[in-house]
């Protein structure tokens, strides 16, 4: 048997184990990225609506709620897109090149 330099040697695991671990690492990194954007979205929400609270009840909002929620929704949407991009790039980089 000829040993190839570019192929991982030993390990004793099935080829599916490596795929699962690569997927697990990609999902973990994507979740880390999304959690940062989720924190930014929570911060946007708090900073937007904290000025309109009183002890005797909520104040009248100057704009419709959907307009005031736009920064929060943009942060969440960009977090989802960025985390998906991070996962795909991570999976593409960890793909074995055995040609």
PDB file of N, CA and C in Angstrom:
ATOM      1  N   UNK A   1       0.834  -1.177   0.000  1.00  0.00           N
ATOM      2  CA  UNK A   1       0.000   0.000   0.000  1.00  0.00           C
ATOM      3  C   UNK A   1       0.885   1.250   0.000  1.00  0.00           C
ATOM      4  N   UNK A   2       0.540   2.190  -0.828  1.00  0.00           N
ATOM      5  CA  UNK A   2       1.298   3.426  -0.952  1.00  0.00           C
ATOM      6  C   UNK A   2       0.660   4.481  -0.056  1.00  0.00           C
ATOM      7  N   UNK A   3       1.476   5.142   0.737  1.00  0.00           N
ATOM      8  CA  UNK A   3       0.974   6.202   1.608  1.00  0.00           C
ATOM      9  C   UNK A   3       1.038   7.525   0.865  1.00  0.00           C
ATOM     10  N   UNK A   4      -0.100   8.195   0.804  1.00  0.00           N
ATOM     11  CA  UNK A   4      -0.145   9.498   0.145  1.00  0.00           C
ATOM     12  C   UNK A   4       0.035  10.581   1.191  1.00  0.00           C
ATOM     13  N   UNK A   5       0.782  11.601   0.829  1.00  0.00           N
ATOM     14  CA  UNK A   5       1.077  12.679   1.760  1.00  0.00           C
ATOM     15  C   UNK A   5      -0.158  13.537   2.024  1.00  0.00           C
ATOM     16  N   UNK A   6      -0.983  13.741   1.008  1.00  0.00           N
ATOM     17  CA  UNK A   6      -2.115  14.652   1.148  1.00  0.00           C
ATOM     18  C   UNK A   6      -3.313  14.027   1.845  1.00  0.00           C
ATOM     19  N   UNK A   7      -3.309  12.719   2.097  1.00  0.00           N
ATOM     20  CA  UNK A   7      -4.431  12.076   2.775  1.00  0.00           C
ATOM     21  C   UNK A   7      -4.110  11.899   4.251  1.00  0.00           C
ATOM     22  N   UNK A   8      -5.061  12.161   5.138  1.00  0.00           N
ATOM     23  CA  UNK A   8      -4.800  11.965   6.559  1.00  0.00           C
ATOM     24  C   UNK A   8      -4.598  10.483   6.857  1.00  0.00           C
ATOM     25  N   UNK A   9      -3.627  10.193   7.692  1.00  0.00           N
ATOM     26  CA  UNK A   9      -3.300   8.819   8.027  1.00  0.00           C
ATOM     27  C   UNK A   9      -3.841   8.472   9.410  1.00  0.00           C
ATOM     28  N   UNK A  10      -4.236   7.229   9.575  1.00  0.00           N
ATOM     29  CA  UNK A  10      -4.661   6.736  10.886  1.00  0.00           C
ATOM     30  C   UNK A  10      -5.974   7.329  11.318  1.00  0.00           C
ATOM     31  N   UNK A  11      -6.193   7.321  12.601  1.00  0.00           N
ATOM     32  CA  UNK A  11      -7.428   7.875  13.143  1.00  0.00           C
ATOM     33  C   UNK A  11      -8.451   6.806  13.413  1.00  0.00           C
ATOM     34  N   UNK A  12      -8.562   5.808  12.554  1.00  0.00           N
ATOM     35  CA  UNK A  12      -9.461   4.702  12.765  1.00  0.00           C
ATOM     36  C   UNK A  12     -10.937   5.038  12.698  1.00  0.00           C
ATOM     37  N   UNK A  13     -11.294   6.244  12.321  1.00  0.00           N
ATOM     38  CA  UNK A  13     -12.698   6.629  12.255  1.00  0.00           C
ATOM     39  C   UNK A  13     -13.239   6.470  10.847  1.00  0.00           C
ATOM     40  N   UNK A  14     -14.530   6.441  10.766  1.00  0.00           N
ATOM     41  CA  UNK A  14     -15.182   6.363   9.467  1.00  0.00           C
ATOM     42  C   UNK A  14     -15.099   7.723   8.772  1.00  0.00           C
ATOM     43  N   UNK A  15     -15.170   7.756   7.438  1.00  0.00           N
ATOM     44  CA  UNK A  15     -15.120   9.038   6.732  1.00  0.00           C
ATOM     45  C   UNK A  15     -16.265   9.967   7.133  1.00  0.00           C
ATOM     46  N   UNK A  16     -17.400   9.430   7.524  1.00  0.00           N
ATOM     47  CA  UNK A  16     -18.524  10.260   7.942  1.00  0.00           C
ATOM     48  C   UNK A  16     -18.250  11.010   9.236  1.00  0.00           C
ATOM     49  N   UNK A  17     -17.345  10.477  10.079  1.00  0.00           N
ATOM     50  CA  UNK A  17     -17.010  11.162  11.334  1.00  0.00           C
ATOM     51  C   UNK A  17     -16.342  12.496  11.068  1.00  0.00           C
ATOM     52  N   UNK A  18     -15.457  12.517  10.066  1.00  0.00           N
ATOM     53  CA  UNK A  18     -14.786  13.777   9.737  1.00  0.00           C
ATOM     54  C   UNK A  18     -15.768  14.794   9.185  1.00  0.00           C
ATOM     55  N   UNK A  19     -16.731  14.327   8.396  1.00  0.00           N
ATOM     56  CA  UNK A  19     -17.741  15.232   7.851  1.00  0.00           C
ATOM     57  C   UNK A  19     -18.590  15.805   8.973  1.00  0.00           C
ATOM     58  N   UNK A  20     -18.952  14.971   9.922  1.00  0.00           N
ATOM     59  CA  UNK A  20     -19.759  15.441  11.045  1.00  0.00           C
ATOM     60  C   UNK A  20     -19.002  16.457  11.877  1.00  0.00           C
ATOM     61  N   UNK A  21     -17.708  16.213  12.113  1.00  0.00           N
ATOM     62  CA  UNK A  21     -16.947  17.167  12.915  1.00  0.00           C
ATOM     63  C   UNK A  21     -16.766  18.489  12.170  1.00  0.00           C
ATOM     64  N   UNK A  22     -16.558  18.432  10.838  1.00  0.00           N
ATOM     65  CA  UNK A  22     -16.439  19.676  10.073  1.00  0.00           C
ATOM     66  C   UNK A  22     -17.735  20.461  10.116  1.00  0.00           C
ATOM     67  N   UNK A  23     -18.859  19.747  10.009  1.00  0.00           N
ATOM     68  CA  UNK A  23     -20.159  20.401  10.080  1.00  0.00           C
ATOM     69  C   UNK A  23     -20.390  20.995  11.460  1.00  0.00           C
ATOM     70  N   UNK A  24     -19.992  20.268  12.483  1.00  0.00           N
ATOM     71  CA  UNK A  24     -20.151  20.750  13.861  1.00  0.00           C
ATOM     72  C   UNK A  24     -19.336  22.025  14.083  1.00  0.00           C
ATOM     73  N   UNK A  25     -18.109  22.044  13.599  1.00  0.00           N
ATOM     74  CA  UNK A  25     -17.259  23.231  13.758  1.00  0.00           C
ATOM     75  C   UNK A  25     -17.837  24.409  12.977  1.00  0.00           C
ATOM     76  N   UNK A  26     -18.335  24.158  11.762  1.00  0.00           N
ATOM     77  CA  UNK A  26     -18.916  25.237  10.959  1.00  0.00           C
ATOM     78  C   UNK A  26     -20.169  25.795  11.628  1.00  0.00           C
ATOM     79  N   UNK A  27     -21.010  24.917  12.166  1.00  0.00           N
ATOM     80  CA  UNK A  27     -22.206  25.395  12.861  1.00  0.00           C
ATOM     81  C   UNK A  27     -21.853  26.191  14.107  1.00  0.00           C
ATOM     82  N   UNK A  28     -20.838  25.756  14.820  1.00  0.00           N
ATOM     83  CA  UNK A  28     -20.425  26.466  16.038  1.00  0.00           C
ATOM     84  C   UNK A  28     -19.908  27.865  15.708  1.00  0.00           C
ATOM     85  N   UNK A  29     -19.098  27.977  14.661  1.00  0.00           N
ATOM     86  CA  UNK A  29     -18.572  29.298  14.284  1.00  0.00           C
ATOM     87  C   UNK A  29     -19.684  30.203  13.759  1.00  0.00           C
ATOM     88  N   UNK A  30     -20.617  29.636  13.001  1.00  0.00           N
ATOM     89  CA  UNK A  30     -21.753  30.425  12.535  1.00  0.00           C
ATOM     90  C   UNK A  30     -22.615  30.895  13.689  1.00  0.00           C
ATOM     91  N   UNK A  31     -22.776  30.054  14.700  1.00  0.00           N
ATOM     92  CA  UNK A  31     -23.557  30.445  15.875  1.00  0.00           C
ATOM     93  C   UNK A  31     -22.861  31.540  16.664  1.00  0.00           C
ATOM     94  N   UNK A  32     -21.528  31.492  16.740  1.00  0.00           N
ATOM     95  CA  UNK A  32     -20.786  32.563  17.407  1.00  0.00           C
ATOM     96  C   UNK A  32     -21.006  33.895  16.696  1.00  0.00           C
ATOM     97  N   UNK A  33     -20.956  33.880  15.379  1.00  0.00           N
ATOM     98  CA  UNK A  33     -21.163  35.109  14.611  1.00  0.00           C
ATOM     99  C   UNK A  33     -22.586  35.620  14.807  1.00  0.00           C
ATOM    100  N   UNK A  34     -23.568  34.706  14.731  1.00  0.00           N
ATOM    101  CA  UNK A  34     -24.952  35.121  14.890  1.00  0.00           C
ATOM    102  C   UNK A  34     -25.215  35.660  16.294  1.00  0.00           C
ATOM    103  N   UNK A  35     -24.575  35.093  17.302  1.00  0.00           N
ATOM    104  CA  UNK A  35     -24.808  35.582  18.668  1.00  0.00           C
ATOM    105  C   UNK A  35     -24.302  37.017  18.829  1.00  0.00           C
ATOM    106  N   UNK A  36     -23.242  37.379  18.135  1.00  0.00           N
ATOM    107  CA  UNK A  36     -22.783  38.765  18.172  1.00  0.00           C
ATOM    108  C   UNK A  36     -23.791  39.718  17.550  1.00  0.00           C
ATOM    109  N   UNK A  37     -24.349  39.323  16.416  1.00  0.00           N
ATOM    110  CA  UNK A  37     -25.367  40.152  15.782  1.00  0.00           C
ATOM    111  C   UNK A  37     -26.653  40.176  16.600  1.00  0.00           C
ATOM    112  N   UNK A  38     -26.972  39.075  17.265  1.00  0.00           N
ATOM    113  CA  UNK A  38     -28.153  39.031  18.118  1.00  0.00           C
ATOM    114  C   UNK A  38     -27.989  39.996  19.297  1.00  0.00           C
ATOM    115  N   UNK A  39     -26.800  40.055  19.867  1.00  0.00           N
ATOM    116  CA  UNK A  39     -26.522  41.020  20.930  1.00  0.00           C
ATOM    117  C   UNK A  39     -26.658  42.450  20.433  1.00  0.00           C
ATOM    118  N   UNK A  40     -26.193  42.712  19.223  1.00  0.00           N
ATOM    119  CA  UNK A  40     -26.347  44.051  18.642  1.00  0.00           C
ATOM    120  C   UNK A  40     -27.817  44.377  18.415  1.00  0.00           C
ATOM    121  N   UNK A  41     -28.607  43.382  18.003  1.00  0.00           N
ATOM    122  CA  UNK A  41     -30.040  43.608  17.794  1.00  0.00           C
ATOM    123  C   UNK A  41     -30.746  43.911  19.110  1.00  0.00           C
ATOM    124  N   UNK A  42     -30.386  43.213  20.158  1.00  0.00           N
ATOM    125  CA  UNK A  42     -30.975  43.493  21.474  1.00  0.00           C
ATOM    126  C   UNK A  42     -30.602  44.893  21.934  1.00  0.00           C
ATOM    127  N   UNK A  43     -29.355  45.281  21.713  1.00  0.00           N
ATOM    128  CA  UNK A  43     -28.915  46.624  22.076  1.00  0.00           C
ATOM    129  C   UNK A  43     -29.685  47.684  21.281  1.00  0.00           C
ATOM    130  N   UNK A  44     -29.909  47.455  19.982  1.00  0.00           N
ATOM    131  CA  UNK A  44     -30.695  48.391  19.167  1.00  0.00           C
ATOM    132  C   UNK A  44     -32.122  48.501  19.693  1.00  0.00           C
ATOM    133  N   UNK A  45     -32.700  47.370  20.056  1.00  0.00           N
ATOM    134  CA  UNK A  45     -34.074  47.374  20.573  1.00  0.00           C
ATOM    135  C   UNK A  45     -34.163  48.157  21.879  1.00  0.00           C
ATOM    136  N   UNK A  46     -33.232  47.903  22.778  1.00  0.00           N
ATOM    137  CA  UNK A  46     -33.257  48.594  24.072  1.00  0.00           C
ATOM    138  C   UNK A  46     -33.040  50.089  23.887  1.00  0.00           C
ATOM    139  N   UNK A  47     -32.063  50.453  23.062  1.00  0.00           N
ATOM    140  CA  UNK A  47     -31.787  51.877  22.856  1.00  0.00           C
ATOM    141  C   UNK A  47     -32.922  52.589  22.127  1.00  0.00           C
ATOM    142  N   UNK A  48     -33.682  51.871  21.306  1.00  0.00           N
ATOM    143  CA  UNK A  48     -34.786  52.494  20.591  1.00  0.00           C
ATOM    144  C   UNK A  48     -35.976  52.737  21.501  1.00  0.00           C
ATOM    145  N   UNK A  49     -36.337  51.751  22.304  1.00  0.00           N
ATOM    146  CA  UNK A  49     -37.581  51.837  23.051  1.00  0.00           C
ATOM    147  C   UNK A  49     -37.427  52.239  24.512  1.00  0.00           C
ATOM    148  N   UNK A  50     -36.201  52.374  25.030  1.00  0.00           N
ATOM    149  CA  UNK A  50     -36.067  52.719  26.444  1.00  0.00           C
ATOM    150  C   UNK A  50     -36.476  54.167  26.720  1.00  0.00           C
ATOM    151  N   UNK A  51     -36.468  55.009  25.721  1.00  0.00           N
ATOM    152  CA  UNK A  51     -36.829  56.410  25.926  1.00  0.00           C
ATOM    153  C   UNK A  51     -38.338  56.606  26.024  1.00  0.00           C
ATOM    154  N   UNK A  52     -39.123  55.598  25.722  1.00  0.00           N
ATOM    155  CA  UNK A  52     -40.573  55.754  25.680  1.00  0.00           C
ATOM    156  C   UNK A  52     -41.268  54.975  26.786  1.00  0.00           C
ATOM    157  N   UNK A  53     -40.614  54.815  27.923  1.00  0.00           N
ATOM    158  CA  UNK A  53     -41.189  54.166  29.102  1.00  0.00           C
ATOM    159  C   UNK A  53     -41.305  55.182  30.225  1.00  0.00           C
ATOM    160  N   UNK A  54     -42.378  55.063  30.974  1.00  0.00           N
ATOM    161  CA  UNK A  54     -42.587  55.884  32.161  1.00  0.00           C
ATOM    162  C   UNK A  54     -43.075  54.987  33.281  1.00  0.00           C
ATOM    163  N   UNK A  55     -43.116  55.538  34.474  1.00  0.00           N
ATOM    164  CA  UNK A  55     -43.629  54.786  35.614  1.00  0.00           C
ATOM    165  C   UNK A  55     -45.132  54.571  35.468  1.00  0.00           C
ATOM    166  N   UNK A  56     -45.835  55.561  34.957  1.00  0.00           N
ATOM    167  CA  UNK A  56     -47.288  55.456  34.838  1.00  0.00           C
ATOM    168  C   UNK A  56     -47.737  54.762  33.542  1.00  0.00           C
ATOM    169  N   UNK A  57     -46.812  54.272  32.727  1.00  0.00           N
ATOM    170  CA  UNK A  57     -47.186  53.560  31.506  1.00  0.00           C
ATOM    171  C   UNK A  57     -46.365  54.030  30.322  1.00  0.00           C
ATOM    172  N   UNK A  58     -46.521  53.362  29.170  1.00  0.00           N
ATOM    173  CA  UNK A  58     -45.739  53.733  27.998  1.00  0.00           C
ATOM    174  C   UNK A  58     -46.192  55.061  27.391  1.00  0.00           C
ATOM    175  N   UNK A  59     -45.248  55.750  26.774  1.00  0.00           N
ATOM    176  CA  UNK A  59     -45.537  56.998  26.071  1.00  0.00           C
ATOM    177  C   UNK A  59     -46.000  56.696  24.653  1.00  0.00           C
ATOM    178  N   UNK A  60     -46.486  57.711  23.993  1.00  0.00           N
ATOM    179  CA  UNK A  60     -46.862  57.596  22.585  1.00  0.00           C
ATOM    180  C   UNK A  60     -45.585  57.582  21.744  1.00  0.00           C
ATOM    181  N   UNK A  61     -45.484  56.640  20.813  1.00  0.00           N
ATOM    182  CA  UNK A  61     -44.303  56.543  19.962  1.00  0.00           C
ATOM    183  C   UNK A  61     -44.373  57.588  18.857  1.00  0.00           C
ATOM    184  N   UNK A  62     -43.231  58.203  18.487  1.00  0.00           N
ATOM    185  CA  UNK A  62     -43.249  59.240  17.458  1.00  0.00           C
ATOM    186  C   UNK A  62     -43.429  58.684  16.041  1.00  0.00           C
ATOM    187  N   UNK A  63     -43.091  57.426  15.826  1.00  0.00           N
ATOM    188  CA  UNK A  63     -43.207  56.773  14.523  1.00  0.00           C
ATOM    189  C   UNK A  63     -43.947  55.458  14.702  1.00  0.00           C
ATOM    190  N   UNK A  64     -44.437  54.884  13.617  1.00  0.00           N
ATOM    191  CA  UNK A  64     -45.040  53.547  13.751  1.00  0.00           C
ATOM    192  C   UNK A  64     -44.017  52.526  14.271  1.00  0.00           C
ATOM    193  N   UNK A  65     -44.531  51.501  14.921  1.00  0.00           N
ATOM    194  CA  UNK A  65     -43.650  50.514  15.554  1.00  0.00           C
ATOM    195  C   UNK A  65     -42.780  49.807  14.521  1.00  0.00           C
ATOM    196  N   UNK A  66     -43.317  49.494  13.355  1.00  0.00           N
ATOM    197  CA  UNK A  66     -42.532  48.758  12.373  1.00  0.00           C
ATOM    198  C   UNK A  66     -41.339  49.567  11.894  1.00  0.00           C
ATOM    199  N   UNK A  67     -41.470  50.886  11.853  1.00  0.00           N
ATOM    200  CA  UNK A  67     -40.328  51.732  11.459  1.00  0.00           C
ATOM    201  C   UNK A  67     -39.291  51.759  12.566  1.00  0.00           C
ATOM    202  N   UNK A  68     -39.752  51.787  13.808  1.00  0.00           N
ATOM    203  CA  UNK A  68     -38.808  51.815  14.921  1.00  0.00           C
ATOM    204  C   UNK A  68     -38.116  50.464  15.133  1.00  0.00           C
ATOM    205  N   UNK A  69     -38.714  49.401  14.634  1.00  0.00           N
ATOM    206  CA  UNK A  69     -38.098  48.080  14.749  1.00  0.00           C
ATOM    207  C   UNK A  69     -37.106  47.783  13.629  1.00  0.00           C
ATOM    208  N   UNK A  70     -37.020  48.638  12.625  1.00  0.00           N
ATOM    209  CA  UNK A  70     -36.142  48.375  11.486  1.00  0.00           C
ATOM    210  C   UNK A  70     -34.673  48.160  11.853  1.00  0.00           C
ATOM    211  N   UNK A  71     -34.057  48.968  12.732  1.00  0.00           N
ATOM    212  CA  UNK A  71     -32.652  48.678  13.078  1.00  0.00           C
ATOM    213  C   UNK A  71     -32.459  47.299  13.705  1.00  0.00           C
ATOM    214  N   UNK A  72     -33.416  46.888  14.526  1.00  0.00           N
ATOM    215  CA  UNK A  72     -33.330  45.564  15.147  1.00  0.00           C
ATOM    216  C   UNK A  72     -33.468  44.472  14.099  1.00  0.00           C
ATOM    217  N   UNK A  73     -34.418  44.625  13.197  1.00  0.00           N
ATOM    218  CA  UNK A  73     -34.628  43.613  12.166  1.00  0.00           C
ATOM    219  C   UNK A  73     -33.472  43.554  11.178  1.00  0.00           C
ATOM    220  N   UNK A  74     -32.878  44.688  10.879  1.00  0.00           N
ATOM    221  CA  UNK A  74     -31.718  44.712   9.983  1.00  0.00           C
ATOM    222  C   UNK A  74     -30.537  43.997  10.639  1.00  0.00           C
ATOM    223  N   UNK A  75     -30.334  44.232  11.932  1.00  0.00           N
ATOM    224  CA  UNK A  75     -29.240  43.544  12.636  1.00  0.00           C
ATOM    225  C   UNK A  75     -29.466  42.034  12.658  1.00  0.00           C
ATOM    226  N   UNK A  76     -30.688  41.599  12.873  1.00  0.00           N
ATOM    227  CA  UNK A  76     -30.977  40.159  12.875  1.00  0.00           C
ATOM    228  C   UNK A  76     -30.803  39.549  11.488  1.00  0.00           C
ATOM    229  N   UNK A  77     -31.302  40.234  10.471  1.00  0.00           N
ATOM    230  CA  UNK A  77     -31.175  39.723   9.106  1.00  0.00           C
ATOM    231  C   UNK A  77     -29.733  39.642   8.646  1.00  0.00           C
ATOM    232  N   UNK A  78     -28.957  40.667   8.946  1.00  0.00           N
ATOM    233  CA  UNK A  78     -27.546  40.620   8.558  1.00  0.00           C
ATOM    234  C   UNK A  78     -26.792  39.572   9.366  1.00  0.00           C
ATOM    235  N   UNK A  79     -27.215  39.327  10.594  1.00  0.00           N
ATOM    236  CA  UNK A  79     -26.594  38.259  11.381  1.00  0.00           C
ATOM    237  C   UNK A  79     -26.854  36.894  10.785  1.00  0.00           C
ATOM    238  N   UNK A  80     -28.058  36.667  10.304  1.00  0.00           N
ATOM    239  CA  UNK A  80     -28.379  35.383   9.676  1.00  0.00           C
ATOM    240  C   UNK A  80     -27.563  35.212   8.401  1.00  0.00           C
ATOM    241  N   UNK A  81     -27.524  36.231   7.563  1.00  0.00           N
ATOM    242  CA  UNK A  81     -26.761  36.132   6.312  1.00  0.00           C
ATOM    243  C   UNK A  81     -25.269  35.931   6.571  1.00  0.00           C
ATOM    244  N   UNK A  82     -24.719  36.695   7.496  1.00  0.00           N
ATOM    245  CA  UNK A  82     -23.291  36.591   7.774  1.00  0.00           C
ATOM    246  C   UNK A  82     -22.938  35.235   8.363  1.00  0.00           C
ATOM    247  N   UNK A  83     -23.782  34.720   9.249  1.00  0.00           N
ATOM    248  CA  UNK A  83     -23.482  33.413   9.834  1.00  0.00           C
ATOM    249  C   UNK A  83     -23.582  32.302   8.785  1.00  0.00           C
ATOM    250  N   UNK A  84     -24.516  32.411   7.852  1.00  0.00           N
ATOM    251  CA  UNK A  84     -24.585  31.426   6.767  1.00  0.00           C
ATOM    252  C   UNK A  84     -23.348  31.493   5.876  1.00  0.00           C
ATOM    253  N   UNK A  85     -22.881  32.695   5.584  1.00  0.00           N
ATOM    254  CA  UNK A  85     -21.669  32.852   4.777  1.00  0.00           C
ATOM    255  C   UNK A  85     -20.469  32.265   5.502  1.00  0.00           C
ATOM    256  N   UNK A  86     -20.367  32.509   6.811  1.00  0.00           N
ATOM    257  CA  UNK A  86     -19.259  31.963   7.595  1.00  0.00           C
ATOM    258  C   UNK A  86     -19.293  30.439   7.586  1.00  0.00           C
ATOM    259  N   UNK A  87     -20.482  29.856   7.716  1.00  0.00           N
ATOM    260  CA  UNK A  87     -20.582  28.398   7.711  1.00  0.00           C
ATOM    261  C   UNK A  87     -20.190  27.809   6.358  1.00  0.00           C
ATOM    262  N   UNK A  88     -20.649  28.410   5.275  1.00  0.00           N
ATOM    263  CA  UNK A  88     -20.328  27.889   3.942  1.00  0.00           C
ATOM    264  C   UNK A  88     -18.831  28.019   3.652  1.00  0.00           C
ATOM    265  N   UNK A  89     -18.245  29.143   4.008  1.00  0.00           N
ATOM    266  CA  UNK A  89     -16.814  29.334   3.780  1.00  0.00           C
ATOM    267  C   UNK A  89     -16.011  28.360   4.635  1.00  0.00           C
ATOM    268  N   UNK A  90     -16.437  28.156   5.869  1.00  0.00           N
ATOM    269  CA  UNK A  90     -15.737  27.221   6.737  1.00  0.00           C
ATOM    270  C   UNK A  90     -15.823  25.802   6.202  1.00  0.00           C
ATOM    271  N   UNK A  91     -16.988  25.399   5.708  1.00  0.00           N
ATOM    272  CA  UNK A  91     -17.119  24.063   5.123  1.00  0.00           C
ATOM    273  C   UNK A  91     -16.297  23.922   3.846  1.00  0.00           C
ATOM    274  N   UNK A  92     -16.260  24.980   3.048  1.00  0.00           N
ATOM    275  CA  UNK A  92     -15.479  24.917   1.804  1.00  0.00           C
ATOM    276  C   UNK A  92     -13.981  24.838   2.087  1.00  0.00           C
ATOM    277  N   UNK A  93     -13.525  25.545   3.104  1.00  0.00           N
ATOM    278  CA  UNK A  93     -12.087  25.493   3.432  1.00  0.00           C
ATOM    279  C   UNK A  93     -11.686  24.177   4.059  1.00  0.00           C
ATOM    280  N   UNK A  94     -12.580  23.551   4.792  1.00  0.00           N
ATOM    281  CA  UNK A  94     -12.216  22.296   5.454  1.00  0.00           C
ATOM    282  C   UNK A  94     -12.447  21.080   4.585  1.00  0.00           C
ATOM    283  N   UNK A  95     -12.931  21.282   3.368  1.00  0.00           N
ATOM    284  CA  UNK A  95     -13.176  20.172   2.452  1.00  0.00           C
ATOM    285  C   UNK A  95     -11.845  19.557   2.024  1.00  0.00           C
ATOM    286  N   UNK A  96     -11.734  18.236   2.058  1.00  0.00           N
ATOM    287  CA  UNK A  96     -10.471  17.611   1.638  1.00  0.00           C
ATOM    288  C   UNK A  96     -10.285  17.722   0.126  1.00  0.00           C
ATOM    289  N   UNK A  97      -9.071  17.953  -0.267  1.00  0.00           N
ATOM    290  CA  UNK A  97      -8.720  18.085  -1.696  1.00  0.00           C
ATOM    291  C   UNK A  97      -7.880  16.857  -2.077  1.00  0.00           C
ATOM    292  N   UNK A  98      -8.535  15.794  -2.539  1.00  0.00           N
ATOM    293  CA  UNK A  98      -7.850  14.545  -2.819  1.00  0.00           C
ATOM    294  C   UNK A  98      -7.653  14.278  -4.309  1.00  0.00           C
ATOM    295  N   UNK A  99      -7.754  15.279  -5.128  1.00  0.00           N
ATOM    296  CA  UNK A  99      -7.587  15.043  -6.561  1.00  0.00           C
ATOM    297  C   UNK A  99      -6.137  14.910  -6.916  1.00  0.00           C
TER     298      UNK A  99
END
